[in-house]
């Protein structure tokens, strides 16, 4: 049932996304989760407390988010089971679960960077990419803007598409909501800043753990998609993956980034600026690093192929489960 639920969710999200009208009316589950995290940060993360006390409170926030996510998923499922039966319940749970995925919106935001560079130039490209990355974009040239967009595409394919879908297939709607709560907490408080180093420690570490299977799976989808895409190299993707993924600052993001860089024959990562400070990062991949909007388009094509393969895999799982 969970595989069918995941299939319905990913197809629904691919076709309609999260409607703008619905967002204006009730917001989005991530904004609701974010509001809870922001309240916890304001109420519980006092700078007057010791490091250990702040870290312990961060652990409590993580437990609260996990419990809230799991109970919300169970409650939604239980209500739907009271009102409907059989396939209808799975269908409606899948529609609800589609809000946990960012497959369509990720494509839209990254494609907007390519369009901005192509039609309105570097300033428009910087504005567009600033919507999806945390680094300082004011001084980026076209190559750096393009690398940032492709890196965001690769990383968010893992934690915005593959991971919630994976946990949905494993643990149903409760698993997907709980994962999204953890991932949102990591993005909001899982930083190594003075304010969040202790308070966000638990969220950051647990997010690394729950993203581990999806990061490897997302790299596999990119390698397989490269094998099915003319002009791309799955062999090079595998070579770069095993050579460079472990050198990335993140234990998970390096996997999809390395696979994408190898498949496209480009370099990603490298030095960048956060909060006005240059951070020396190792290059991932080999080949060109002077990228353009055309490279973003190529990355988007690979992304679409990987998404298609993931959907096809779910179809196979559902069909086989129905047969046996």
C-alpha atoms as a PDB file:
ATOM      1  CA  UNK A   1       0.000   0.000   0.000  1.00  0.00           C
ATOM      2  CA  UNK A   2       2.798   2.415   0.821  1.00  0.00           C
ATOM      3  CA  UNK A   3       4.365   2.038  -2.635  1.00  0.00           C
ATOM      4  CA  UNK A   4       0.986   2.795  -4.223  1.00  0.00           C
ATOM      5  CA  UNK A   5       0.628   5.790  -1.921  1.00  0.00           C
ATOM      6  CA  UNK A   6       4.066   7.065  -2.949  1.00  0.00           C
ATOM      7  CA  UNK A   7       3.266   6.544  -6.634  1.00  0.00           C
ATOM      8  CA  UNK A   8       0.028   8.512  -6.395  1.00  0.00           C
ATOM      9  CA  UNK A   9       1.808  11.280  -4.491  1.00  0.00           C
ATOM     10  CA  UNK A  10       4.671  11.706  -6.950  1.00  0.00           C
ATOM     11  CA  UNK A  11       2.420  11.587 -10.022  1.00  0.00           C
ATOM     12  CA  UNK A  12       0.007  14.088  -8.475  1.00  0.00           C
ATOM     13  CA  UNK A  13       2.850  16.454  -7.623  1.00  0.00           C
ATOM     14  CA  UNK A  14       4.371  16.101 -11.083  1.00  0.00           C
ATOM     15  CA  UNK A  15       1.088  16.941 -12.787  1.00  0.00           C
ATOM     16  CA  UNK A  16      -0.339  19.728 -10.609  1.00  0.00           C
ATOM     17  CA  UNK A  17       2.302  20.607  -8.034  1.00  0.00           C
ATOM     18  CA  UNK A  18       0.985  22.550  -5.040  1.00  0.00           C
ATOM     19  CA  UNK A  19      -1.664  24.958  -6.393  1.00  0.00           C
ATOM     20  CA  UNK A  20      -0.989  28.664  -5.817  1.00  0.00           C
ATOM     21  CA  UNK A  21      -4.605  29.215  -4.819  1.00  0.00           C
ATOM     22  CA  UNK A  22      -4.352  26.574  -2.112  1.00  0.00           C
ATOM     23  CA  UNK A  23      -1.122  28.139  -0.850  1.00  0.00           C
ATOM     24  CA  UNK A  24      -2.765  31.570  -0.614  1.00  0.00           C
ATOM     25  CA  UNK A  25      -5.727  30.046   1.190  1.00  0.00           C
ATOM     26  CA  UNK A  26      -4.126  27.786   3.790  1.00  0.00           C
ATOM     27  CA  UNK A  27      -0.360  28.057   3.256  1.00  0.00           C
ATOM     28  CA  UNK A  28       1.799  24.959   2.897  1.00  0.00           C
ATOM     29  CA  UNK A  29       2.662  22.166   5.360  1.00  0.00           C
ATOM     30  CA  UNK A  30       6.289  23.283   5.344  1.00  0.00           C
ATOM     31  CA  UNK A  31       5.254  26.808   6.399  1.00  0.00           C
ATOM     32  CA  UNK A  32       3.214  25.325   9.248  1.00  0.00           C
ATOM     33  CA  UNK A  33       6.164  23.212  10.363  1.00  0.00           C
ATOM     34  CA  UNK A  34       8.453  26.229   9.990  1.00  0.00           C
ATOM     35  CA  UNK A  35       6.197  28.322  12.215  1.00  0.00           C
ATOM     36  CA  UNK A  36       6.446  25.717  14.986  1.00  0.00           C
ATOM     37  CA  UNK A  37      10.237  25.558  14.672  1.00  0.00           C
ATOM     38  CA  UNK A  38      10.526  29.361  14.702  1.00  0.00           C
ATOM     39  CA  UNK A  39       8.418  29.514  17.864  1.00  0.00           C
ATOM     40  CA  UNK A  40      10.574  26.877  19.550  1.00  0.00           C
ATOM     41  CA  UNK A  41      13.700  28.788  18.537  1.00  0.00           C
ATOM     42  CA  UNK A  42      12.386  32.015  20.048  1.00  0.00           C
ATOM     43  CA  UNK A  43      10.961  30.456  23.204  1.00  0.00           C
ATOM     44  CA  UNK A  44      13.552  27.805  24.065  1.00  0.00           C
ATOM     45  CA  UNK A  45      16.861  28.883  22.554  1.00  0.00           C
ATOM     46  CA  UNK A  46      17.958  31.523  25.024  1.00  0.00           C
ATOM     47  CA  UNK A  47      21.533  32.755  24.755  1.00  0.00           C
ATOM     48  CA  UNK A  48      21.622  32.945  28.546  1.00  0.00           C
ATOM     49  CA  UNK A  49      21.577  29.144  28.760  1.00  0.00           C
ATOM     50  CA  UNK A  50      24.628  26.919  28.727  1.00  0.00           C
ATOM     51  CA  UNK A  51      25.736  25.031  25.621  1.00  0.00           C
ATOM     52  CA  UNK A  52      24.606  21.691  27.078  1.00  0.00           C
ATOM     53  CA  UNK A  53      21.208  23.043  28.087  1.00  0.00           C
ATOM     54  CA  UNK A  54      20.605  24.504  24.631  1.00  0.00           C
ATOM     55  CA  UNK A  55      21.634  21.238  23.001  1.00  0.00           C
ATOM     56  CA  UNK A  56      19.291  19.277  25.261  1.00  0.00           C
ATOM     57  CA  UNK A  57      16.431  21.601  24.348  1.00  0.00           C
ATOM     58  CA  UNK A  58      17.260  21.066  20.690  1.00  0.00           C
ATOM     59  CA  UNK A  59      16.909  17.317  21.241  1.00  0.00           C
ATOM     60  CA  UNK A  60      13.470  17.955  22.743  1.00  0.00           C
ATOM     61  CA  UNK A  61      12.481  20.008  19.693  1.00  0.00           C
ATOM     62  CA  UNK A  62      13.520  17.149  17.411  1.00  0.00           C
ATOM     63  CA  UNK A  63      11.488  14.626  19.428  1.00  0.00           C
ATOM     64  CA  UNK A  64       8.505  16.990  19.368  1.00  0.00           C
ATOM     65  CA  UNK A  65       8.702  17.393  15.597  1.00  0.00           C
ATOM     66  CA  UNK A  66       9.023  13.649  15.002  1.00  0.00           C
ATOM     67  CA  UNK A  67       6.060  12.912  17.265  1.00  0.00           C
ATOM     68  CA  UNK A  68       3.963  15.652  15.687  1.00  0.00           C
ATOM     69  CA  UNK A  69       4.797  14.449  12.172  1.00  0.00           C
ATOM     70  CA  UNK A  70       4.028  10.801  12.887  1.00  0.00           C
ATOM     71  CA  UNK A  71       0.824  11.561  14.815  1.00  0.00           C
ATOM     72  CA  UNK A  72      -0.371  13.968  12.111  1.00  0.00           C
ATOM     73  CA  UNK A  73       0.108  11.326   9.442  1.00  0.00           C
ATOM     74  CA  UNK A  74      -1.663   8.692  11.530  1.00  0.00           C
ATOM     75  CA  UNK A  75      -4.538  11.070  12.293  1.00  0.00           C
ATOM     76  CA  UNK A  76      -5.037  12.051   8.654  1.00  0.00           C
ATOM     77  CA  UNK A  77      -4.989   8.398   7.613  1.00  0.00           C
ATOM     78  CA  UNK A  78      -7.415   7.416  10.385  1.00  0.00           C
ATOM     79  CA  UNK A  79      -9.903  10.171   9.484  1.00  0.00           C
ATOM     80  CA  UNK A  80      -9.835   9.218   5.818  1.00  0.00           C
ATOM     81  CA  UNK A  81     -10.327   5.544   6.702  1.00  0.00           C
ATOM     82  CA  UNK A  82     -13.420   6.486   8.690  1.00  0.00           C
ATOM     83  CA  UNK A  83     -14.886   8.442   5.778  1.00  0.00           C
ATOM     84  CA  UNK A  84     -13.807   6.289   2.843  1.00  0.00           C
ATOM     85  CA  UNK A  85     -12.660   2.770   2.071  1.00  0.00           C
ATOM     86  CA  UNK A  86     -10.033   0.862   0.113  1.00  0.00           C
ATOM     87  CA  UNK A  87      -8.499   2.484  -2.928  1.00  0.00           C
ATOM     88  CA  UNK A  88     -10.104   5.857  -2.195  1.00  0.00           C
ATOM     89  CA  UNK A  89      -8.172   6.121   1.082  1.00  0.00           C
ATOM     90  CA  UNK A  90      -4.870   5.392  -0.661  1.00  0.00           C
ATOM     91  CA  UNK A  91      -5.720   7.886  -3.392  1.00  0.00           C
ATOM     92  CA  UNK A  92      -6.566  10.682  -0.960  1.00  0.00           C
ATOM     93  CA  UNK A  93      -3.544   9.949   1.241  1.00  0.00           C
ATOM     94  CA  UNK A  94      -1.416  10.144  -1.890  1.00  0.00           C
ATOM     95  CA  UNK A  95      -2.867  13.538  -2.767  1.00  0.00           C
ATOM     96  CA  UNK A  96      -2.080  14.774   0.749  1.00  0.00           C
ATOM     97  CA  UNK A  97       1.379  13.220   0.527  1.00  0.00           C
ATOM     98  CA  UNK A  98       2.104  15.087  -2.708  1.00  0.00           C
ATOM     99  CA  UNK A  99       2.511  18.255  -0.622  1.00  0.00           C
ATOM    100  CA  UNK A 100       5.621  16.699   0.944  1.00  0.00           C
ATOM    101  CA  UNK A 101       7.384  16.623  -2.446  1.00  0.00           C
ATOM    102  CA  UNK A 102       9.141  19.424  -4.346  1.00  0.00           C
ATOM    103  CA  UNK A 103       9.657  17.712  -7.709  1.00  0.00           C
ATOM    104  CA  UNK A 104       7.742  20.198  -9.872  1.00  0.00           C
ATOM    105  CA  UNK A 105       8.616  23.344  -7.914  1.00  0.00           C
ATOM    106  CA  UNK A 106      12.323  22.465  -7.926  1.00  0.00           C
ATOM    107  CA  UNK A 107      12.310  22.200 -11.710  1.00  0.00           C
ATOM    108  CA  UNK A 108      10.429  25.501 -11.977  1.00  0.00           C
ATOM    109  CA  UNK A 109      12.823  27.422  -9.718  1.00  0.00           C
ATOM    110  CA  UNK A 110      15.982  26.115 -11.377  1.00  0.00           C
ATOM    111  CA  UNK A 111      14.580  26.632 -14.875  1.00  0.00           C
ATOM    112  CA  UNK A 112      13.819  30.229 -13.852  1.00  0.00           C
ATOM    113  CA  UNK A 113      17.551  30.792 -13.303  1.00  0.00           C
ATOM    114  CA  UNK A 114      18.351  29.558 -16.819  1.00  0.00           C
ATOM    115  CA  UNK A 115      15.597  31.705 -18.301  1.00  0.00           C
ATOM    116  CA  UNK A 116      16.767  34.771 -16.400  1.00  0.00           C
ATOM    117  CA  UNK A 117      20.341  34.352 -17.660  1.00  0.00           C
ATOM    118  CA  UNK A 118      19.151  33.749 -21.229  1.00  0.00           C
ATOM    119  CA  UNK A 119      16.739  36.659 -21.462  1.00  0.00           C
ATOM    120  CA  UNK A 120      17.683  39.311 -18.910  1.00  0.00           C
ATOM    121  CA  UNK A 121      21.362  38.805 -18.130  1.00  0.00           C
ATOM    122  CA  UNK A 122      23.518  38.312 -15.087  1.00  0.00           C
ATOM    123  CA  UNK A 123      21.658  40.557 -12.633  1.00  0.00           C
ATOM    124  CA  UNK A 124      18.410  38.692 -13.266  1.00  0.00           C
ATOM    125  CA  UNK A 125      20.264  35.405 -12.939  1.00  0.00           C
ATOM    126  CA  UNK A 126      21.676  36.448  -9.574  1.00  0.00           C
ATOM    127  CA  UNK A 127      18.222  37.386  -8.310  1.00  0.00           C
ATOM    128  CA  UNK A 128      16.733  34.115  -9.502  1.00  0.00           C
ATOM    129  CA  UNK A 129      19.438  31.921  -7.985  1.00  0.00           C
ATOM    130  CA  UNK A 130      19.306  33.828  -4.683  1.00  0.00           C
ATOM    131  CA  UNK A 131      15.829  32.332  -4.229  1.00  0.00           C
ATOM    132  CA  UNK A 132      17.200  28.781  -4.024  1.00  0.00           C
ATOM    133  CA  UNK A 133      20.683  29.033  -2.451  1.00  0.00           C
ATOM    134  CA  UNK A 134      22.038  30.405   0.805  1.00  0.00           C
ATOM    135  CA  UNK A 135      25.315  31.824  -0.470  1.00  0.00           C
ATOM    136  CA  UNK A 136      26.017  35.466  -1.323  1.00  0.00           C
ATOM    137  CA  UNK A 137      24.991  35.877  -4.967  1.00  0.00           C
ATOM    138  CA  UNK A 138      25.714  39.582  -5.462  1.00  0.00           C
ATOM    139  CA  UNK A 139      29.145  39.100  -7.032  1.00  0.00           C
ATOM    140  CA  UNK A 140      28.569  35.837  -8.877  1.00  0.00           C
ATOM    141  CA  UNK A 141      29.371  35.682 -12.581  1.00  0.00           C
ATOM    142  CA  UNK A 142      27.384  33.558 -15.045  1.00  0.00           C
ATOM    143  CA  UNK A 143      29.509  30.478 -14.390  1.00  0.00           C
ATOM    144  CA  UNK A 144      29.048  30.721 -10.624  1.00  0.00           C
ATOM    145  CA  UNK A 145      25.309  31.362 -10.955  1.00  0.00           C
ATOM    146  CA  UNK A 146      25.010  28.307 -13.201  1.00  0.00           C
ATOM    147  CA  UNK A 147      27.015  26.115 -10.816  1.00  0.00           C
ATOM    148  CA  UNK A 148      24.890  27.262  -7.871  1.00  0.00           C
ATOM    149  CA  UNK A 149      21.676  26.420  -9.708  1.00  0.00           C
ATOM    150  CA  UNK A 150      22.909  22.961 -10.733  1.00  0.00           C
ATOM    151  CA  UNK A 151      24.206  22.188  -7.241  1.00  0.00           C
ATOM    152  CA  UNK A 152      20.855  23.199  -5.764  1.00  0.00           C
ATOM    153  CA  UNK A 153      19.074  20.989  -8.300  1.00  0.00           C
ATOM    154  CA  UNK A 154      21.211  17.966  -7.418  1.00  0.00           C
ATOM    155  CA  UNK A 155      21.060  18.427  -3.649  1.00  0.00           C
ATOM    156  CA  UNK A 156      17.345  19.192  -3.520  1.00  0.00           C
ATOM    157  CA  UNK A 157      16.553  16.240  -5.769  1.00  0.00           C
ATOM    158  CA  UNK A 158      17.846  14.140  -2.895  1.00  0.00           C
ATOM    159  CA  UNK A 159      16.236  15.853   0.098  1.00  0.00           C
ATOM    160  CA  UNK A 160      13.215  17.425  -1.603  1.00  0.00           C
ATOM    161  CA  UNK A 161      12.130  14.588  -3.876  1.00  0.00           C
ATOM    162  CA  UNK A 162      13.842  11.251  -3.288  1.00  0.00           C
ATOM    163  CA  UNK A 163      13.989  11.352   0.523  1.00  0.00           C
ATOM    164  CA  UNK A 164      10.343  12.194   1.286  1.00  0.00           C
ATOM    165  CA  UNK A 165       9.251   9.721  -1.380  1.00  0.00           C
ATOM    166  CA  UNK A 166      11.538   7.039   0.073  1.00  0.00           C
ATOM    167  CA  UNK A 167      10.169   7.486   3.592  1.00  0.00           C
ATOM    168  CA  UNK A 168       6.630   7.582   2.236  1.00  0.00           C
ATOM    169  CA  UNK A 169       7.205   4.249   0.504  1.00  0.00           C
ATOM    170  CA  UNK A 170       8.739   2.817   3.694  1.00  0.00           C
ATOM    171  CA  UNK A 171       6.460   4.283   6.386  1.00  0.00           C
ATOM    172  CA  UNK A 172       3.487   5.840   4.636  1.00  0.00           C
ATOM    173  CA  UNK A 173       2.169   9.336   5.215  1.00  0.00           C
ATOM    174  CA  UNK A 174       3.506   9.500   8.819  1.00  0.00           C
ATOM    175  CA  UNK A 175       7.020   8.752   7.550  1.00  0.00           C
ATOM    176  CA  UNK A 176       6.885  11.453   4.897  1.00  0.00           C
ATOM    177  CA  UNK A 177       5.571  14.134   7.257  1.00  0.00           C
ATOM    178  CA  UNK A 178       8.073  13.243   9.974  1.00  0.00           C
ATOM    179  CA  UNK A 179      10.900  13.396   7.434  1.00  0.00           C
ATOM    180  CA  UNK A 180       9.746  16.792   6.194  1.00  0.00           C
ATOM    181  CA  UNK A 181       9.650  18.107   9.753  1.00  0.00           C
ATOM    182  CA  UNK A 182      13.242  16.995  10.368  1.00  0.00           C
ATOM    183  CA  UNK A 183      14.479  18.380   7.057  1.00  0.00           C
ATOM    184  CA  UNK A 184      12.781  21.731   7.679  1.00  0.00           C
ATOM    185  CA  UNK A 185      14.336  21.913  11.126  1.00  0.00           C
ATOM    186  CA  UNK A 186      17.770  21.262   9.655  1.00  0.00           C
ATOM    187  CA  UNK A 187      17.309  24.071   7.116  1.00  0.00           C
ATOM    188  CA  UNK A 188      16.161  26.524   9.800  1.00  0.00           C
ATOM    189  CA  UNK A 189      18.256  25.731  12.876  1.00  0.00           C
ATOM    190  CA  UNK A 190      20.790  23.115  11.758  1.00  0.00           C
ATOM    191  CA  UNK A 191      23.549  25.656  11.171  1.00  0.00           C
ATOM    192  CA  UNK A 192      26.931  26.067  12.805  1.00  0.00           C
ATOM    193  CA  UNK A 193      26.209  29.670  13.726  1.00  0.00           C
ATOM    194  CA  UNK A 194      26.715  30.776  17.352  1.00  0.00           C
ATOM    195  CA  UNK A 195      22.947  30.794  17.916  1.00  0.00           C
ATOM    196  CA  UNK A 196      22.210  27.366  16.464  1.00  0.00           C
ATOM    197  CA  UNK A 197      25.391  25.332  16.951  1.00  0.00           C
ATOM    198  CA  UNK A 198      23.994  23.717  20.109  1.00  0.00           C
ATOM    199  CA  UNK A 199      20.239  24.134  19.634  1.00  0.00           C
ATOM    200  CA  UNK A 200      20.252  22.743  16.091  1.00  0.00           C
ATOM    201  CA  UNK A 201      22.802  19.988  16.707  1.00  0.00           C
ATOM    202  CA  UNK A 202      20.250  17.169  17.063  1.00  0.00           C
ATOM    203  CA  UNK A 203      18.232  18.242  14.029  1.00  0.00           C
ATOM    204  CA  UNK A 204      21.332  18.515  11.850  1.00  0.00           C
ATOM    205  CA  UNK A 205      22.715  15.132  12.880  1.00  0.00           C
ATOM    206  CA  UNK A 206      19.374  13.346  12.545  1.00  0.00           C
ATOM    207  CA  UNK A 207      18.784  14.958   9.159  1.00  0.00           C
ATOM    208  CA  UNK A 208      22.139  13.554   8.001  1.00  0.00           C
ATOM    209  CA  UNK A 209      21.005  10.116   9.133  1.00  0.00           C
ATOM    210  CA  UNK A 210      17.562  10.081   7.507  1.00  0.00           C
ATOM    211  CA  UNK A 211      18.944  11.505   4.258  1.00  0.00           C
ATOM    212  CA  UNK A 212      21.670   8.883   3.948  1.00  0.00           C
ATOM    213  CA  UNK A 213      19.684   6.275   1.964  1.00  0.00           C
ATOM    214  CA  UNK A 214      18.075   8.878  -0.309  1.00  0.00           C
ATOM    215  CA  UNK A 215      21.374  10.556  -1.165  1.00  0.00           C
ATOM    216  CA  UNK A 216      22.794   7.256  -2.411  1.00  0.00           C
ATOM    217  CA  UNK A 217      19.580   6.451  -4.223  1.00  0.00           C
ATOM    218  CA  UNK A 218      19.487   9.870  -5.901  1.00  0.00           C
ATOM    219  CA  UNK A 219      23.035   9.343  -7.163  1.00  0.00           C
ATOM    220  CA  UNK A 220      21.948   5.972  -8.566  1.00  0.00           C
ATOM    221  CA  UNK A 221      19.040   7.602 -10.422  1.00  0.00           C
ATOM    222  CA  UNK A 222      21.407  10.157 -11.965  1.00  0.00           C
ATOM    223  CA  UNK A 223      23.824   7.442 -13.086  1.00  0.00           C
ATOM    224  CA  UNK A 224      21.013   5.397 -14.593  1.00  0.00           C
ATOM    225  CA  UNK A 225      19.503   8.483 -16.230  1.00  0.00           C
ATOM    226  CA  UNK A 226      22.912   9.282 -17.753  1.00  0.00           C
ATOM    227  CA  UNK A 227      23.031   5.777 -19.214  1.00  0.00           C
ATOM    228  CA  UNK A 228      19.735   6.452 -20.979  1.00  0.00           C
ATOM    229  CA  UNK A 229      20.627  10.003 -22.132  1.00  0.00           C
ATOM    230  CA  UNK A 230      22.593  10.484 -25.372  1.00  0.00           C
ATOM    231  CA  UNK A 231      25.876  12.307 -24.893  1.00  0.00           C
ATOM    232  CA  UNK A 232      26.125  11.726 -21.155  1.00  0.00           C
ATOM    233  CA  UNK A 233      28.516   9.361 -19.417  1.00  0.00           C
ATOM    234  CA  UNK A 234      27.361   6.953 -16.698  1.00  0.00           C
ATOM    235  CA  UNK A 235      30.914   5.579 -16.400  1.00  0.00           C
ATOM    236  CA  UNK A 236      32.304   9.028 -15.684  1.00  0.00           C
ATOM    237  CA  UNK A 237      29.445   9.660 -13.249  1.00  0.00           C
ATOM    238  CA  UNK A 238      30.406   6.542 -11.292  1.00  0.00           C
ATOM    239  CA  UNK A 239      34.115   7.464 -11.310  1.00  0.00           C
ATOM    240  CA  UNK A 240      33.471  10.979 -10.005  1.00  0.00           C
ATOM    241  CA  UNK A 241      30.927   9.666  -7.517  1.00  0.00           C
ATOM    242  CA  UNK A 242      33.375   7.333  -5.801  1.00  0.00           C
ATOM    243  CA  UNK A 243      36.266   9.786  -6.043  1.00  0.00           C
ATOM    244  CA  UNK A 244      34.662  13.057  -4.935  1.00  0.00           C
ATOM    245  CA  UNK A 245      31.421  12.405  -3.028  1.00  0.00           C
ATOM    246  CA  UNK A 246      33.226  11.823   0.252  1.00  0.00           C
ATOM    247  CA  UNK A 247      35.141  15.096  -0.015  1.00  0.00           C
ATOM    248  CA  UNK A 248      32.005  17.219   0.064  1.00  0.00           C
ATOM    249  CA  UNK A 249      31.258  19.300   3.158  1.00  0.00           C
ATOM    250  CA  UNK A 250      27.989  17.386   3.533  1.00  0.00           C
ATOM    251  CA  UNK A 251      27.931  13.616   4.121  1.00  0.00           C
ATOM    252  CA  UNK A 252      24.955  13.369   1.762  1.00  0.00           C
ATOM    253  CA  UNK A 253      24.874  16.263  -0.733  1.00  0.00           C
ATOM    254  CA  UNK A 254      28.152  15.153  -2.301  1.00  0.00           C
ATOM    255  CA  UNK A 255      26.538  12.003  -3.717  1.00  0.00           C
ATOM    256  CA  UNK A 256      23.965  13.536  -6.092  1.00  0.00           C
ATOM    257  CA  UNK A 257      26.272  16.467  -6.879  1.00  0.00           C
ATOM    258  CA  UNK A 258      29.157  14.182  -7.814  1.00  0.00           C
ATOM    259  CA  UNK A 259      26.941  11.936  -9.915  1.00  0.00           C
ATOM    260  CA  UNK A 260      25.489  14.904 -11.783  1.00  0.00           C
ATOM    261  CA  UNK A 261      28.889  16.550 -12.285  1.00  0.00           C
ATOM    262  CA  UNK A 262      30.349  13.335 -13.658  1.00  0.00           C
ATOM    263  CA  UNK A 263      27.395  12.641 -15.937  1.00  0.00           C
ATOM    264  CA  UNK A 264      27.519  16.147 -17.439  1.00  0.00           C
ATOM    265  CA  UNK A 265      31.327  16.373 -17.567  1.00  0.00           C
ATOM    266  CA  UNK A 266      31.499  19.546 -15.460  1.00  0.00           C
ATOM    267  CA  UNK A 267      32.874  20.766 -12.143  1.00  0.00           C
ATOM    268  CA  UNK A 268      30.658  21.804  -9.251  1.00  0.00           C
ATOM    269  CA  UNK A 269      31.202  23.108  -5.721  1.00  0.00           C
ATOM    270  CA  UNK A 270      34.530  24.954  -5.348  1.00  0.00           C
ATOM    271  CA  UNK A 271      35.066  28.220  -3.420  1.00  0.00           C
ATOM    272  CA  UNK A 272      32.008  30.283  -2.541  1.00  0.00           C
ATOM    273  CA  UNK A 273      30.976  33.130  -0.218  1.00  0.00           C
ATOM    274  CA  UNK A 274      28.681  32.807   2.803  1.00  0.00           C
ATOM    275  CA  UNK A 275      27.849  35.867   4.920  1.00  0.00           C
ATOM    276  CA  UNK A 276      30.682  37.812   3.286  1.00  0.00           C
ATOM    277  CA  UNK A 277      33.295  35.143   4.079  1.00  0.00           C
ATOM    278  CA  UNK A 278      34.916  33.051   1.335  1.00  0.00           C
ATOM    279  CA  UNK A 279      34.695  29.337   2.074  1.00  0.00           C
ATOM    280  CA  UNK A 280      37.283  27.119   0.393  1.00  0.00           C
ATOM    281  CA  UNK A 281      35.491  24.064  -0.962  1.00  0.00           C
ATOM    282  CA  UNK A 282      37.023  21.326  -3.080  1.00  0.00           C
ATOM    283  CA  UNK A 283      35.892  20.966  -6.650  1.00  0.00           C
ATOM    284  CA  UNK A 284      33.579  18.067  -7.428  1.00  0.00           C
ATOM    285  CA  UNK A 285      33.961  16.509 -10.858  1.00  0.00           C
ATOM    286  CA  UNK A 286      36.276  17.172 -13.740  1.00  0.00           C
ATOM    287  CA  UNK A 287      35.979  19.113 -16.960  1.00  0.00           C
ATOM    288  CA  UNK A 288      34.536  22.579 -17.438  1.00  0.00           C
ATOM    289  CA  UNK A 289      33.711  24.928 -14.581  1.00  0.00           C
ATOM    290  CA  UNK A 290      32.864  27.933 -16.772  1.00  0.00           C
ATOM    291  CA  UNK A 291      29.220  26.994 -17.012  1.00  0.00           C
ATOM    292  CA  UNK A 292      26.301  28.726 -18.728  1.00  0.00           C
ATOM    293  CA  UNK A 293      22.521  28.561 -18.885  1.00  0.00           C
ATOM    294  CA  UNK A 294      22.901  25.762 -21.415  1.00  0.00           C
ATOM    295  CA  UNK A 295      24.492  23.605 -18.716  1.00  0.00           C
ATOM    296  CA  UNK A 296      21.556  24.321 -16.405  1.00  0.00           C
ATOM    297  CA  UNK A 297      19.232  23.099 -19.168  1.00  0.00           C
ATOM    298  CA  UNK A 298      21.297  19.926 -19.549  1.00  0.00           C
ATOM    299  CA  UNK A 299      21.132  19.348 -15.799  1.00  0.00           C
ATOM    300  CA  UNK A 300      17.361  19.835 -15.872  1.00  0.00           C
ATOM    301  CA  UNK A 301      17.060  17.233 -18.631  1.00  0.00           C
ATOM    302  CA  UNK A 302      19.035  14.766 -16.510  1.00  0.00           C
ATOM    303  CA  UNK A 303      16.853  15.615 -13.518  1.00  0.00           C
ATOM    304  CA  UNK A 304      13.659  14.952 -15.462  1.00  0.00           C
ATOM    305  CA  UNK A 305      15.000  11.624 -16.658  1.00  0.00           C
ATOM    306  CA  UNK A 306      15.922  10.656 -13.078  1.00  0.00           C
ATOM    307  CA  UNK A 307      12.454  11.629 -11.848  1.00  0.00           C
ATOM    308  CA  UNK A 308      10.918   9.526 -14.607  1.00  0.00           C
ATOM    309  CA  UNK A 309      13.014   6.528 -13.637  1.00  0.00           C
ATOM    310  CA  UNK A 310      11.958   6.881 -10.023  1.00  0.00           C
ATOM    311  CA  UNK A 311       8.300   6.903 -11.019  1.00  0.00           C
ATOM    312  CA  UNK A 312       8.854   3.888 -13.281  1.00  0.00           C
ATOM    313  CA  UNK A 313      10.460   2.006 -10.388  1.00  0.00           C
ATOM    314  CA  UNK A 314       7.433   2.681  -8.193  1.00  0.00           C
ATOM    315  CA  UNK A 315       5.130   1.449 -10.960  1.00  0.00           C
ATOM    316  CA  UNK A 316       7.101  -1.806 -11.113  1.00  0.00           C
ATOM    317  CA  UNK A 317       6.970  -2.227  -7.330  1.00  0.00           C
ATOM    318  CA  UNK A 318       3.214  -1.644  -7.263  1.00  0.00           C
ATOM    319  CA  UNK A 319       2.553  -4.033 -10.160  1.00  0.00           C
ATOM    320  CA  UNK A 320       4.721  -6.772  -8.641  1.00  0.00           C
ATOM    321  CA  UNK A 321       3.053  -6.342  -5.230  1.00  0.00           C
ATOM    322  CA  UNK A 322      -0.386  -6.679  -6.840  1.00  0.00           C
ATOM    323  CA  UNK A 323       0.709  -9.858  -8.616  1.00  0.00           C
ATOM    324  CA  UNK A 324       1.912 -11.505  -5.413  1.00  0.00           C
END
